Every structure is written in C-alpha cells, then in structure tokens.
Amino acid sequence: MTKQILAVMGATGAQGGGMARAALASGAFTVRAITRNPQGDRALALAAAGAEVVAADSDDATSLARAFAGAQAVFGVTNYWEYFSAEREFVQAYNIAQAAKAAGVGHVVWSTMEDSRQVMALDDPRMPTLMGSYKVPHMDAKGQADGAFVRAGVPTTFLRTSFYWDNLVSLGMGPRRGADGTLSFVLPMADKPLPGIVVEDIGKCALGVLRRGEELVGKTIGIAGGHLTGTQMAEALTTALGEPVVYTYVPPEVYRTFGFPGADDLGNMFQYKRDFNDAYCGGRDLAFARALNPELQTFADWLAGNAKRIPLA
C-alpha cells in the first residue's frame, strides 16, 4: 500500500526538522522536506535519511502549491525571528493555507500560538503596543493566521506550542554567572509557571496528531513537556549543573529594555504568559501532549543530555 505524502515546511529548521525526523523514523509517511536550500547540509542529511527534498519558499505561493501537489498532509510553520515582521509572517501563513487548499491537502497541522490581542486591546496601557498593531508580534501574527486556514476551508489542527527549553542553549537564555561567581537564571514570570517543551518533541506531537486522523481536525490543542516556575527550573538546573543556580525575577518592563533584537517582543510575551497564566497553562494539557507523544521529555530529561551545552559565561 502506497504511503501518504507528508509535506513538511521548514524541514531544515527547528520545528520542521523535528517533524521530518519523527515522520521518517515512524515509517508512516513518505516525507517531502520543503526548504529554500535543498543543497544545504541539513537538507542533504534528510535526503540521505529517505526524504524527498523539494525547493519552495513561503513567500512564493506558487512554489508552495507545486511543493504540496499530491500531498495528503502538511506540517505548516513560519519563522518570525528570521525577519522580525508580523505582516510577512501572516502572508506566509496565508500562502501555506492557500497552497494547501489548491493541492487538496486532507490535513494540515499548523504550528501556531495565541493572538494576545484577543484578551488585551491595543490601547491597554499595561503592555506597550509594538509595530503599531501588535502586543506580542510573533504570537499575534500566528494566531491571526488561524483564520486564513478556516476561511480557506482547509482541514486543520491548530497546534499551539510552548517556550523552547532549547533556547537556554541556542539563544543564551540559560543561567549567567555574575561578578561574584553565582549563577543566576532570569525570567520575567514572577512566581508563575512557564509551559516549556523540547523543540524536537513538537514534531513528535504533530505526528501524533496526524495519526489520529480526522479526530483532531478543526481542534485547537496546546502542547508542553512541563509547567515550571522559575524557581523550579533553577532547582533542576542546580541538579544538572552540579552547582547552585538562583532564580532572579526581572519584571517584563525591565526585560523589554535589555536591547537585544526582539527584547520588547519577548518581554511582552512573558508578561502575557504571566498575567494570563491560568488560561495559558490550561490550554497546554501535559497528559494529552504525552498521549500524542509517549516519548515526551521533561525539563529534567532534556537537561540530562544538554546541560553541558548551556553557555554560562
């Protein structure tokens, strides 16, 4: 019996790469890895693992339609942090929806997040408005784009992700050593838990969604590997690193002034997750995520294999 074709957006990136590898390992799909650079090392590695590598660009709807042709399923994802434009991210998501419609795709798993403006108006003074039209640009554009899939009539599962624990390595968001030698772990979450996940597990959860078929079409589901406070994360880091790590709460208004690209966006993101914590955590059921992905890692699991990779300087 011929396997269904799964087209994976961003197949050489974090989420898409995890999706492609999970699907290849499962043997459940023929994986069509979509990338702008089919000759790159990551694309060649996917090809060696058995994927069909196809060149396409989210900014080019025509190329996406060609890439989706004949596919029964699509994993859709965008990367706001590549270009820092919510408008462009929305257009890319719209292109994905339109291409999936044109190709007659039977199931799209769209990697999305909440649109913070649904609970915090642009004129709400508690949080600055960014780029003229957003509170949390990298979240809002994805949440707004959910409607593009609905209006296109594409069978879609809306998969809301969580904070990547991998950011402690890739973005240097782990503990930092102060002048006195103490390791300090900074989060703008006060005493509220932050849902987090290993980025590789997102693809495995998405594969679990596809395995359930029509059951989750039209549903919005959230995934996380754990809901941990800053104190709990610091305690886990202390164990994994073998030296004390202290949690330091920095208010979002201070975090927004840190000056690195996207600091204001991330500051607003943490404030949203802090201030609407019950709803945010409530939308990410740990048991359900584990039912989708029985290999779901906890923070301690991830630290066991990655603590030594965290830069501490």
C-alpha atoms as a PDB file:
ATOM      1  CA  MET A   1       0.000   0.000   0.000  1.00  0.00           C
ATOM      2  CA  THR A   2       1.370   3.406  -1.004  1.00  0.00           C
ATOM      3  CA  LYS A   3       2.259   5.643   1.933  1.00  0.00           C
ATOM      4  CA  GLN A   4       0.660   9.049   2.214  1.00  0.00           C
ATOM      5  CA  ILE A   5       2.884  12.014   1.441  1.00  0.00           C
ATOM      6  CA  LEU A   6       3.587  14.424   4.303  1.00  0.00           C
ATOM      7  CA  ALA A   7       4.929  17.800   3.171  1.00  0.00           C
ATOM      8  CA  VAL A   8       6.960  19.432   5.925  1.00  0.00           C
ATOM      9  CA  MET A   9       7.541  23.184   5.895  1.00  0.00           C
ATOM     10  CA  GLY A  10      10.813  24.452   7.347  1.00  0.00           C
ATOM     11  CA  ALA A  11      12.228  20.951   7.201  1.00  0.00           C
ATOM     12  CA  THR A  12      15.773  22.168   7.875  1.00  0.00           C
ATOM     13  CA  GLY A  13      14.685  24.308  10.826  1.00  0.00           C
ATOM     14  CA  ALA A  14      13.876  23.540  14.446  1.00  0.00           C
ATOM     15  CA  GLN A  15      10.222  22.508  14.401  1.00  0.00           C
ATOM     16  CA  GLY A  16      10.099  21.294  10.807  1.00  0.00           C
ATOM     17  CA  GLY A  17      13.297  19.314  11.233  1.00  0.00           C
ATOM     18  CA  GLY A  18      11.828  17.557  14.243  1.00  0.00           C
ATOM     19  CA  MET A  19       8.654  16.813  12.297  1.00  0.00           C
ATOM     20  CA  ALA A  20      10.586  15.407   9.326  1.00  0.00           C
ATOM     21  CA  ARG A  21      12.817  13.220  11.500  1.00  0.00           C
ATOM     22  CA  ALA A  22       9.878  11.927  13.539  1.00  0.00           C
ATOM     23  CA  ALA A  23       7.906  11.034  10.429  1.00  0.00           C
ATOM     24  CA  LEU A  24      10.899   9.354   8.800  1.00  0.00           C
ATOM     25  CA  ALA A  25      11.598   7.319  11.939  1.00  0.00           C
ATOM     26  CA  SER A  26       7.971   6.218  12.156  1.00  0.00           C
ATOM     27  CA  GLY A  27       7.845   4.956   8.588  1.00  0.00           C
ATOM     28  CA  ALA A  28       4.218   6.084   8.492  1.00  0.00           C
ATOM     29  CA  PHE A  29       4.632   8.658   5.711  1.00  0.00           C
ATOM     30  CA  THR A  30       6.634   9.463   2.651  1.00  0.00           C
ATOM     31  CA  VAL A  31       8.296  12.681   3.808  1.00  0.00           C
ATOM     32  CA  ARG A  32       8.574  15.601   1.431  1.00  0.00           C
ATOM     33  CA  ALA A  33      11.011  18.005   3.072  1.00  0.00           C
ATOM     34  CA  ILE A  34      10.417  21.575   1.910  1.00  0.00           C
ATOM     35  CA  THR A  35      13.287  24.036   2.131  1.00  0.00           C
ATOM     36  CA  ARG A  36      14.656  27.058   0.301  1.00  0.00           C
ATOM     37  CA  ASN A  37      18.090  25.458   0.146  1.00  0.00           C
ATOM     38  CA  PRO A  38      17.883  21.815  -0.989  1.00  0.00           C
ATOM     39  CA  GLN A  39      21.669  21.606  -1.261  1.00  0.00           C
ATOM     40  CA  GLY A  40      22.333  22.624   2.344  1.00  0.00           C
ATOM     41  CA  ASP A  41      23.835  20.160   4.807  1.00  0.00           C
ATOM     42  CA  ARG A  42      20.589  19.646   6.718  1.00  0.00           C
ATOM     43  CA  ALA A  43      18.603  19.084   3.527  1.00  0.00           C
ATOM     44  CA  LEU A  44      21.166  16.593   2.267  1.00  0.00           C
ATOM     45  CA  ALA A  45      21.022  14.761   5.604  1.00  0.00           C
ATOM     46  CA  LEU A  46      17.230  14.455   5.293  1.00  0.00           C
ATOM     47  CA  ALA A  47      17.607  13.177   1.741  1.00  0.00           C
ATOM     48  CA  ALA A  48      20.106  10.577   2.961  1.00  0.00           C
ATOM     49  CA  ALA A  49      17.571   9.518   5.599  1.00  0.00           C
ATOM     50  CA  GLY A  50      14.946   8.915   2.928  1.00  0.00           C
ATOM     51  CA  ALA A  51      13.130  12.235   2.492  1.00  0.00           C
ATOM     52  CA  GLU A  52      12.205  13.751  -0.835  1.00  0.00           C
ATOM     53  CA  VAL A  53      13.726  17.242  -0.668  1.00  0.00           C
ATOM     54  CA  VAL A  54      11.810  19.925  -2.557  1.00  0.00           C
ATOM     55  CA  ALA A  55      12.680  23.597  -3.020  1.00  0.00           C
ATOM     56  CA  ALA A  56       9.941  26.109  -2.155  1.00  0.00           C
ATOM     57  CA  ASP A  57       9.580  29.446  -0.381  1.00  0.00           C
ATOM     58  CA  SER A  58       6.794  30.554   1.966  1.00  0.00           C
ATOM     59  CA  ASP A  59       6.904  33.980   0.331  1.00  0.00           C
ATOM     60  CA  ASP A  60       6.038  32.368  -3.012  1.00  0.00           C
ATOM     61  CA  ALA A  61       2.580  30.805  -3.016  1.00  0.00           C
ATOM     62  CA  THR A  62       3.109  29.284  -6.467  1.00  0.00           C
ATOM     63  CA  SER A  63       6.182  27.381  -5.323  1.00  0.00           C
ATOM     64  CA  LEU A  64       4.249  26.093  -2.313  1.00  0.00           C
ATOM     65  CA  ALA A  65       1.371  24.863  -4.466  1.00  0.00           C
ATOM     66  CA  ARG A  66       3.852  22.865  -6.553  1.00  0.00           C
ATOM     67  CA  ALA A  67       5.527  21.508  -3.413  1.00  0.00           C
ATOM     68  CA  PHE A  68       2.191  20.417  -1.895  1.00  0.00           C
ATOM     69  CA  ALA A  69       0.887  18.737  -5.056  1.00  0.00           C
ATOM     70  CA  GLY A  70      -0.113  15.163  -4.285  1.00  0.00           C
ATOM     71  CA  ALA A  71       0.473  15.523  -0.543  1.00  0.00           C
ATOM     72  CA  GLN A  72      -2.187  14.250   1.820  1.00  0.00           C
ATOM     73  CA  ALA A  73      -0.812  16.068   4.887  1.00  0.00           C
ATOM     74  CA  VAL A  74       1.172  19.235   5.597  1.00  0.00           C
ATOM     75  CA  PHE A  75       3.057  20.484   8.634  1.00  0.00           C
ATOM     76  CA  GLY A  76       2.966  24.274   8.427  1.00  0.00           C
ATOM     77  CA  VAL A  77       5.319  26.560  10.331  1.00  0.00           C
ATOM     78  CA  THR A  78       6.769  30.054   9.923  1.00  0.00           C
ATOM     79  CA  ASN A  79       9.851  31.690  11.439  1.00  0.00           C
ATOM     80  CA  TYR A  80       9.172  35.225  12.642  1.00  0.00           C
ATOM     81  CA  TRP A  81      12.653  35.508  14.162  1.00  0.00           C
ATOM     82  CA  GLU A  82      14.256  35.311  10.735  1.00  0.00           C
ATOM     83  CA  TYR A  83      12.789  38.621   9.567  1.00  0.00           C
ATOM     84  CA  PHE A  84      11.036  40.274  12.548  1.00  0.00           C
ATOM     85  CA  SER A  85       7.912  41.125  10.548  1.00  0.00           C
ATOM     86  CA  ALA A  86       4.465  40.088  11.756  1.00  0.00           C
ATOM     87  CA  GLU A  87       2.926  41.176   8.463  1.00  0.00           C
ATOM     88  CA  ARG A  88       5.288  38.969   6.481  1.00  0.00           C
ATOM     89  CA  GLU A  89       4.641  36.053   8.822  1.00  0.00           C
ATOM     90  CA  PHE A  90       0.901  36.400   8.275  1.00  0.00           C
ATOM     91  CA  VAL A  91       1.350  36.480   4.492  1.00  0.00           C
ATOM     92  CA  GLN A  92       3.477  33.353   4.629  1.00  0.00           C
ATOM     93  CA  ALA A  93       0.817  31.552   6.683  1.00  0.00           C
ATOM     94  CA  TYR A  94      -1.842  32.730   4.240  1.00  0.00           C
ATOM     95  CA  ASN A  95       0.246  31.330   1.382  1.00  0.00           C
ATOM     96  CA  ILE A  96       0.506  27.986   3.150  1.00  0.00           C
ATOM     97  CA  ALA A  97      -3.273  27.871   3.619  1.00  0.00           C
ATOM     98  CA  GLN A  98      -3.969  28.799   0.002  1.00  0.00           C
ATOM     99  CA  ALA A  99      -1.445  26.292  -1.343  1.00  0.00           C
ATOM    100  CA  ALA A 100      -2.908  23.534   0.831  1.00  0.00           C
ATOM    101  CA  LYS A 101      -6.359  24.382  -0.481  1.00  0.00           C
ATOM    102  CA  ALA A 102      -5.161  24.355  -4.097  1.00  0.00           C
ATOM    103  CA  ALA A 103      -3.474  20.977  -3.605  1.00  0.00           C
ATOM    104  CA  GLY A 104      -6.481  19.448  -1.874  1.00  0.00           C
ATOM    105  CA  VAL A 105      -4.487  18.545   1.227  1.00  0.00           C
ATOM    106  CA  GLY A 106      -6.520  16.417   3.609  1.00  0.00           C
ATOM    107  CA  HIS A 107      -4.949  17.510   6.911  1.00  0.00           C
ATOM    108  CA  VAL A 108      -2.758  20.462   7.871  1.00  0.00           C
ATOM    109  CA  VAL A 109      -1.094  20.719  11.266  1.00  0.00           C
ATOM    110  CA  TRP A 110      -0.470  24.442  11.679  1.00  0.00           C
ATOM    111  CA  SER A 111       2.083  25.442  14.335  1.00  0.00           C
ATOM    112  CA  THR A 112       0.524  28.459  15.971  1.00  0.00           C
ATOM    113  CA  MET A 113       0.120  30.479  19.171  1.00  0.00           C
ATOM    114  CA  GLU A 114      -2.472  32.653  20.848  1.00  0.00           C
ATOM    115  CA  ASP A 115      -3.286  36.111  19.484  1.00  0.00           C
ATOM    116  CA  SER A 116      -2.717  38.182  22.627  1.00  0.00           C
ATOM    117  CA  ARG A 117      -4.955  40.959  21.295  1.00  0.00           C
ATOM    118  CA  GLN A 118      -7.982  38.770  21.952  1.00  0.00           C
ATOM    119  CA  VAL A 119      -7.521  39.415  25.668  1.00  0.00           C
ATOM    120  CA  MET A 120      -5.503  42.655  25.659  1.00  0.00           C
ATOM    121  CA  ALA A 121      -6.634  45.520  23.451  1.00  0.00           C
ATOM    122  CA  LEU A 122      -4.053  47.601  21.631  1.00  0.00           C
ATOM    123  CA  ASP A 123      -4.897  50.626  23.778  1.00  0.00           C
ATOM    124  CA  ASP A 124      -4.421  48.656  27.013  1.00  0.00           C
ATOM    125  CA  PRO A 125      -1.705  50.594  28.887  1.00  0.00           C
ATOM    126  CA  ARG A 126      -0.469  47.557  30.825  1.00  0.00           C
ATOM    127  CA  MET A 127       1.656  46.477  27.862  1.00  0.00           C
ATOM    128  CA  PRO A 128       3.190  48.611  25.086  1.00  0.00           C
ATOM    129  CA  THR A 129       1.839  48.210  21.566  1.00  0.00           C
ATOM    130  CA  LEU A 130       4.562  47.162  19.114  1.00  0.00           C
ATOM    131  CA  MET A 131       4.847  47.787  15.386  1.00  0.00           C
ATOM    132  CA  GLY A 132       1.656  49.807  15.566  1.00  0.00           C
ATOM    133  CA  SER A 133      -0.717  46.834  15.522  1.00  0.00           C
ATOM    134  CA  TYR A 134       0.503  44.132  17.909  1.00  0.00           C
ATOM    135  CA  LYS A 135       1.074  43.369  21.547  1.00  0.00           C
ATOM    136  CA  VAL A 136       3.182  40.227  21.028  1.00  0.00           C
ATOM    137  CA  PRO A 137       4.026  40.289  17.295  1.00  0.00           C
ATOM    138  CA  HIS A 138       5.463  36.798  16.947  1.00  0.00           C
ATOM    139  CA  MET A 139       2.410  35.326  18.672  1.00  0.00           C
ATOM    140  CA  ASP A 140      -0.287  37.602  17.299  1.00  0.00           C
ATOM    141  CA  ALA A 141       0.519  37.040  13.627  1.00  0.00           C
ATOM    142  CA  LYS A 142       0.338  33.262  14.048  1.00  0.00           C
ATOM    143  CA  GLY A 143      -2.924  33.452  15.980  1.00  0.00           C
ATOM    144  CA  GLN A 144      -4.411  35.822  13.419  1.00  0.00           C
ATOM    145  CA  ALA A 145      -3.360  33.460  10.638  1.00  0.00           C
ATOM    146  CA  ASP A 146      -5.506  30.682  12.121  1.00  0.00           C
ATOM    147  CA  GLY A 147      -8.402  32.367  10.378  1.00  0.00           C
ATOM    148  CA  ALA A 148      -6.697  32.023   6.997  1.00  0.00           C
ATOM    149  CA  PHE A 149      -6.900  28.245   7.268  1.00  0.00           C
ATOM    150  CA  VAL A 150     -10.514  28.381   8.444  1.00  0.00           C
ATOM    151  CA  ARG A 151     -11.562  30.709   5.613  1.00  0.00           C
ATOM    152  CA  ALA A 152      -9.737  28.553   3.065  1.00  0.00           C
ATOM    153  CA  GLY A 153     -11.733  25.540   4.243  1.00  0.00           C
ATOM    154  CA  VAL A 154      -8.574  23.512   4.791  1.00  0.00           C
ATOM    155  CA  PRO A 155      -8.913  20.640   7.320  1.00  0.00           C
ATOM    156  CA  THR A 156      -6.567  21.943  10.005  1.00  0.00           C
ATOM    157  CA  THR A 157      -5.421  21.152  13.514  1.00  0.00           C
ATOM    158  CA  PHE A 158      -4.149  24.259  15.297  1.00  0.00           C
ATOM    159  CA  LEU A 159      -1.140  23.174  17.354  1.00  0.00           C
ATOM    160  CA  ARG A 160      -0.158  25.729  19.994  1.00  0.00           C
ATOM    161  CA  THR A 161       3.445  25.321  21.056  1.00  0.00           C
ATOM    162  CA  SER A 162       5.358  26.426  24.167  1.00  0.00           C
ATOM    163  CA  PHE A 163       8.660  28.015  25.185  1.00  0.00           C
ATOM    164  CA  TYR A 164      11.577  26.010  23.828  1.00  0.00           C
ATOM    165  CA  TRP A 165      13.868  24.752  26.595  1.00  0.00           C
ATOM    166  CA  ASP A 166      16.437  24.592  23.796  1.00  0.00           C
ATOM    167  CA  ASN A 167      16.527  28.419  23.995  1.00  0.00           C
ATOM    168  CA  LEU A 168      18.772  28.031  27.028  1.00  0.00           C
ATOM    169  CA  VAL A 169      21.408  26.816  24.580  1.00  0.00           C
ATOM    170  CA  SER A 170      20.583  28.382  21.225  1.00  0.00           C
ATOM    171  CA  LEU A 171      19.608  31.852  22.467  1.00  0.00           C
ATOM    172  CA  GLY A 172      21.782  32.021  25.563  1.00  0.00           C
ATOM    173  CA  MET A 173      18.753  32.234  27.868  1.00  0.00           C
ATOM    174  CA  GLY A 174      20.261  29.930  30.460  1.00  0.00           C
ATOM    175  CA  PRO A 175      21.924  30.886  33.756  1.00  0.00           C
ATOM    176  CA  ARG A 176      24.570  33.614  33.652  1.00  0.00           C
ATOM    177  CA  ARG A 177      27.470  33.907  36.037  1.00  0.00           C
ATOM    178  CA  GLY A 178      27.599  37.160  37.973  1.00  0.00           C
ATOM    179  CA  ALA A 179      30.630  39.058  39.213  1.00  0.00           C
ATOM    180  CA  ASP A 180      30.515  37.103  42.470  1.00  0.00           C
ATOM    181  CA  GLY A 181      30.535  33.796  40.588  1.00  0.00           C
ATOM    182  CA  THR A 182      26.882  32.965  41.333  1.00  0.00           C
ATOM    183  CA  LEU A 183      24.760  31.553  38.538  1.00  0.00           C
ATOM    184  CA  SER A 184      21.533  33.491  38.058  1.00  0.00           C
ATOM    185  CA  PHE A 185      18.594  32.312  35.938  1.00  0.00           C
ATOM    186  CA  VAL A 186      16.458  35.220  34.742  1.00  0.00           C
ATOM    187  CA  LEU A 187      12.780  35.012  33.774  1.00  0.00           C
ATOM    188  CA  PRO A 188      10.073  37.697  33.762  1.00  0.00           C
ATOM    189  CA  MET A 189       7.462  35.257  35.134  1.00  0.00           C
ATOM    190  CA  ALA A 190       7.370  36.177  38.867  1.00  0.00           C
ATOM    191  CA  ASP A 191       6.097  33.018  40.614  1.00  0.00           C
ATOM    192  CA  LYS A 192       4.007  31.809  37.670  1.00  0.00           C
ATOM    193  CA  PRO A 193       4.794  28.578  35.817  1.00  0.00           C
ATOM    194  CA  LEU A 194       6.097  28.735  32.245  1.00  0.00           C
ATOM    195  CA  PRO A 195       4.987  25.915  29.921  1.00  0.00           C
ATOM    196  CA  GLY A 196       8.015  24.583  28.072  1.00  0.00           C
ATOM    197  CA  ILE A 197       8.945  21.863  25.631  1.00  0.00           C
ATOM    198  CA  VAL A 198      11.909  20.337  23.821  1.00  0.00           C
ATOM    199  CA  VAL A 199      11.620  21.566  20.231  1.00  0.00           C
ATOM    200  CA  GLU A 200      12.209  18.049  18.862  1.00  0.00           C
ATOM    201  CA  ASP A 201       9.084  16.925  20.708  1.00  0.00           C
ATOM    202  CA  ILE A 202       6.880  19.344  18.782  1.00  0.00           C
ATOM    203  CA  GLY A 203       7.287  17.287  15.627  1.00  0.00           C
ATOM    204  CA  LYS A 204       6.625  14.076  17.525  1.00  0.00           C
ATOM    205  CA  CYS A 205       3.417  15.573  18.942  1.00  0.00           C
ATOM    206  CA  ALA A 206       2.409  16.748  15.460  1.00  0.00           C
ATOM    207  CA  LEU A 207       2.950  13.216  14.191  1.00  0.00           C
ATOM    208  CA  GLY A 208       0.649  12.027  16.955  1.00  0.00           C
ATOM    209  CA  VAL A 209      -1.979  14.490  15.728  1.00  0.00           C
ATOM    210  CA  LEU A 210      -1.762  13.129  12.177  1.00  0.00           C
ATOM    211  CA  ARG A 211      -2.034   9.561  13.429  1.00  0.00           C
ATOM    212  CA  ARG A 212      -5.404  10.415  14.956  1.00  0.00           C
ATOM    213  CA  GLY A 213      -6.712  11.466  11.562  1.00  0.00           C
ATOM    214  CA  GLU A 214      -9.994  13.357  11.437  1.00  0.00           C
ATOM    215  CA  GLU A 215     -10.436  13.229  15.224  1.00  0.00           C
ATOM    216  CA  LEU A 216      -8.417  16.430  15.737  1.00  0.00           C
ATOM    217  CA  VAL A 217      -9.326  18.300  12.543  1.00  0.00           C
ATOM    218  CA  GLY A 218     -10.750  21.688  13.456  1.00  0.00           C
ATOM    219  CA  LYS A 219      -9.401  21.436  17.007  1.00  0.00           C
ATOM    220  CA  THR A 220      -7.036  23.820  18.785  1.00  0.00           C
ATOM    221  CA  ILE A 221      -4.658  21.924  21.051  1.00  0.00           C
ATOM    222  CA  GLY A 222      -1.686  23.025  23.118  1.00  0.00           C
ATOM    223  CA  ILE A 223       1.411  21.036  23.978  1.00  0.00           C
ATOM    224  CA  ALA A 224       4.108  21.270  26.638  1.00  0.00           C
ATOM    225  CA  GLY A 225       6.511  18.925  28.379  1.00  0.00           C
ATOM    226  CA  GLY A 226       6.130  20.678  31.715  1.00  0.00           C
ATOM    227  CA  HIS A 227       4.814  23.761  33.530  1.00  0.00           C
ATOM    228  CA  LEU A 228       7.665  25.005  35.719  1.00  0.00           C
ATOM    229  CA  THR A 229       8.184  28.136  37.746  1.00  0.00           C
ATOM    230  CA  GLY A 230      11.486  29.969  37.560  1.00  0.00           C
ATOM    231  CA  THR A 231      12.355  28.563  40.983  1.00  0.00           C
ATOM    232  CA  GLN A 232      11.638  25.001  39.837  1.00  0.00           C
ATOM    233  CA  MET A 233      13.723  25.489  36.706  1.00  0.00           C
ATOM    234  CA  ALA A 234      16.589  26.869  38.793  1.00  0.00           C
ATOM    235  CA  GLU A 235      16.387  23.845  41.094  1.00  0.00           C
ATOM    236  CA  ALA A 236      16.547  21.485  38.102  1.00  0.00           C
ATOM    237  CA  LEU A 237      19.475  23.455  36.682  1.00  0.00           C
ATOM    238  CA  THR A 238      21.245  23.249  40.053  1.00  0.00           C
ATOM    239  CA  THR A 239      20.974  19.463  39.986  1.00  0.00           C
ATOM    240  CA  ALA A 240      22.037  19.145  36.351  1.00  0.00           C
ATOM    241  CA  LEU A 241      24.950  21.601  36.521  1.00  0.00           C
ATOM    242  CA  GLY A 242      26.208  20.490  39.925  1.00  0.00           C
ATOM    243  CA  GLU A 243      26.332  23.998  41.383  1.00  0.00           C
ATOM    244  CA  PRO A 244      23.747  26.412  42.797  1.00  0.00           C
ATOM    245  CA  VAL A 245      21.553  28.321  40.376  1.00  0.00           C
ATOM    246  CA  VAL A 246      19.400  31.157  41.742  1.00  0.00           C
ATOM    247  CA  TYR A 247      16.174  32.254  40.081  1.00  0.00           C
ATOM    248  CA  THR A 248      16.067  36.015  39.509  1.00  0.00           C
ATOM    249  CA  TYR A 249      12.772  37.649  38.628  1.00  0.00           C
ATOM    250  CA  VAL A 250      13.146  40.583  36.250  1.00  0.00           C
ATOM    251  CA  PRO A 251       9.850  42.395  35.528  1.00  0.00           C
ATOM    252  CA  PRO A 252       8.793  42.493  31.861  1.00  0.00           C
ATOM    253  CA  GLU A 253       9.168  46.280  31.762  1.00  0.00           C
ATOM    254  CA  VAL A 254      12.839  45.826  32.626  1.00  0.00           C
ATOM    255  CA  TYR A 255      13.310  42.866  30.276  1.00  0.00           C
ATOM    256  CA  ARG A 256      11.973  44.983  27.405  1.00  0.00           C
ATOM    257  CA  THR A 257      14.908  47.390  27.869  1.00  0.00           C
ATOM    258  CA  PHE A 258      17.644  44.736  27.507  1.00  0.00           C
ATOM    259  CA  GLY A 259      18.365  45.925  23.983  1.00  0.00           C
ATOM    260  CA  PHE A 260      18.853  42.711  22.034  1.00  0.00           C
ATOM    261  CA  PRO A 261      16.725  42.257  18.874  1.00  0.00           C
ATOM    262  CA  GLY A 262      13.211  41.245  19.907  1.00  0.00           C
ATOM    263  CA  ALA A 263      13.630  42.077  23.612  1.00  0.00           C
ATOM    264  CA  ASP A 264      10.419  44.136  23.598  1.00  0.00           C
ATOM    265  CA  ASP A 265       8.504  41.342  21.880  1.00  0.00           C
ATOM    266  CA  LEU A 266       9.792  38.706  24.321  1.00  0.00           C
ATOM    267  CA  GLY A 267       9.172  40.985  27.286  1.00  0.00           C
ATOM    268  CA  ASN A 268       5.557  41.330  26.205  1.00  0.00           C
ATOM    269  CA  MET A 269       5.353  37.578  25.609  1.00  0.00           C
ATOM    270  CA  PHE A 270       6.486  36.771  29.129  1.00  0.00           C
ATOM    271  CA  GLN A 271       4.093  39.370  30.543  1.00  0.00           C
ATOM    272  CA  TYR A 272       1.203  37.829  28.613  1.00  0.00           C
ATOM    273  CA  LYS A 273       2.082  34.369  29.900  1.00  0.00           C
ATOM    274  CA  ARG A 274       2.465  35.710  33.446  1.00  0.00           C
ATOM    275  CA  ASP A 275      -0.679  37.828  33.538  1.00  0.00           C
ATOM    276  CA  PHE A 276      -2.953  35.272  31.841  1.00  0.00           C
ATOM    277  CA  ASN A 277      -1.217  32.274  33.318  1.00  0.00           C
ATOM    278  CA  ASP A 278      -4.211  30.125  34.213  1.00  0.00           C
ATOM    279  CA  ALA A 279      -5.616  30.243  30.693  1.00  0.00           C
ATOM    280  CA  TYR A 280      -2.216  29.851  29.058  1.00  0.00           C
ATOM    281  CA  CYS A 281      -1.223  26.821  31.129  1.00  0.00           C
ATOM    282  CA  GLY A 282      -4.744  25.429  30.977  1.00  0.00           C
ATOM    283  CA  GLY A 283      -4.531  25.311  27.203  1.00  0.00           C
ATOM    284  CA  ARG A 284      -1.485  23.028  27.363  1.00  0.00           C
ATOM    285  CA  ASP A 285      -2.501  19.746  28.941  1.00  0.00           C
ATOM    286  CA  LEU A 286       0.557  17.675  29.795  1.00  0.00           C
ATOM    287  CA  ALA A 287      -1.259  14.343  29.812  1.00  0.00           C
ATOM    288  CA  PHE A 288      -2.736  14.981  26.384  1.00  0.00           C
ATOM    289  CA  ALA A 289       0.646  16.012  24.985  1.00  0.00           C
ATOM    290  CA  ARG A 290       2.130  12.786  26.339  1.00  0.00           C
ATOM    291  CA  ALA A 291      -0.711  10.786  24.790  1.00  0.00           C
ATOM    292  CA  LEU A 292       0.256  12.302  21.421  1.00  0.00           C
ATOM    293  CA  ASN A 293       3.954  11.681  22.066  1.00  0.00           C
ATOM    294  CA  PRO A 294       4.762   8.968  24.627  1.00  0.00           C
ATOM    295  CA  GLU A 295       8.458   9.941  24.351  1.00  0.00           C
ATOM    296  CA  LEU A 296       7.714  13.488  25.573  1.00  0.00           C
ATOM    297  CA  GLN A 297      10.668  14.783  27.581  1.00  0.00           C
ATOM    298  CA  THR A 298      10.502  16.641  30.885  1.00  0.00           C
ATOM    299  CA  PHE A 299      12.838  19.543  31.653  1.00  0.00           C
ATOM    300  CA  ALA A 300      14.992  17.192  33.735  1.00  0.00           C
ATOM    301  CA  ASP A 301      15.115  14.712  30.848  1.00  0.00           C
ATOM    302  CA  TRP A 302      16.307  17.438  28.493  1.00  0.00           C
ATOM    303  CA  LEU A 303      18.884  18.739  30.970  1.00  0.00           C
ATOM    304  CA  ALA A 304      20.339  15.263  31.391  1.00  0.00           C
ATOM    305  CA  GLY A 305      21.521  15.351  27.805  1.00  0.00           C
ATOM    306  CA  ASN A 306      22.027  19.066  27.281  1.00  0.00           C
ATOM    307  CA  ALA A 307      23.096  20.796  30.499  1.00  0.00           C
ATOM    308  CA  LYS A 308      26.759  20.805  29.440  1.00  0.00           C
ATOM    309  CA  ARG A 309      25.799  22.651  26.235  1.00  0.00           C
ATOM    310  CA  ILE A 310      24.334  25.633  28.104  1.00  0.00           C
ATOM    311  CA  PRO A 311      26.699  28.642  27.930  1.00  0.00           C
ATOM    312  CA  LEU A 312      27.262  30.072  31.408  1.00  0.00           C
ATOM    313  CA  ALA A 313      29.690  32.938  30.708  1.00  0.00           C
END
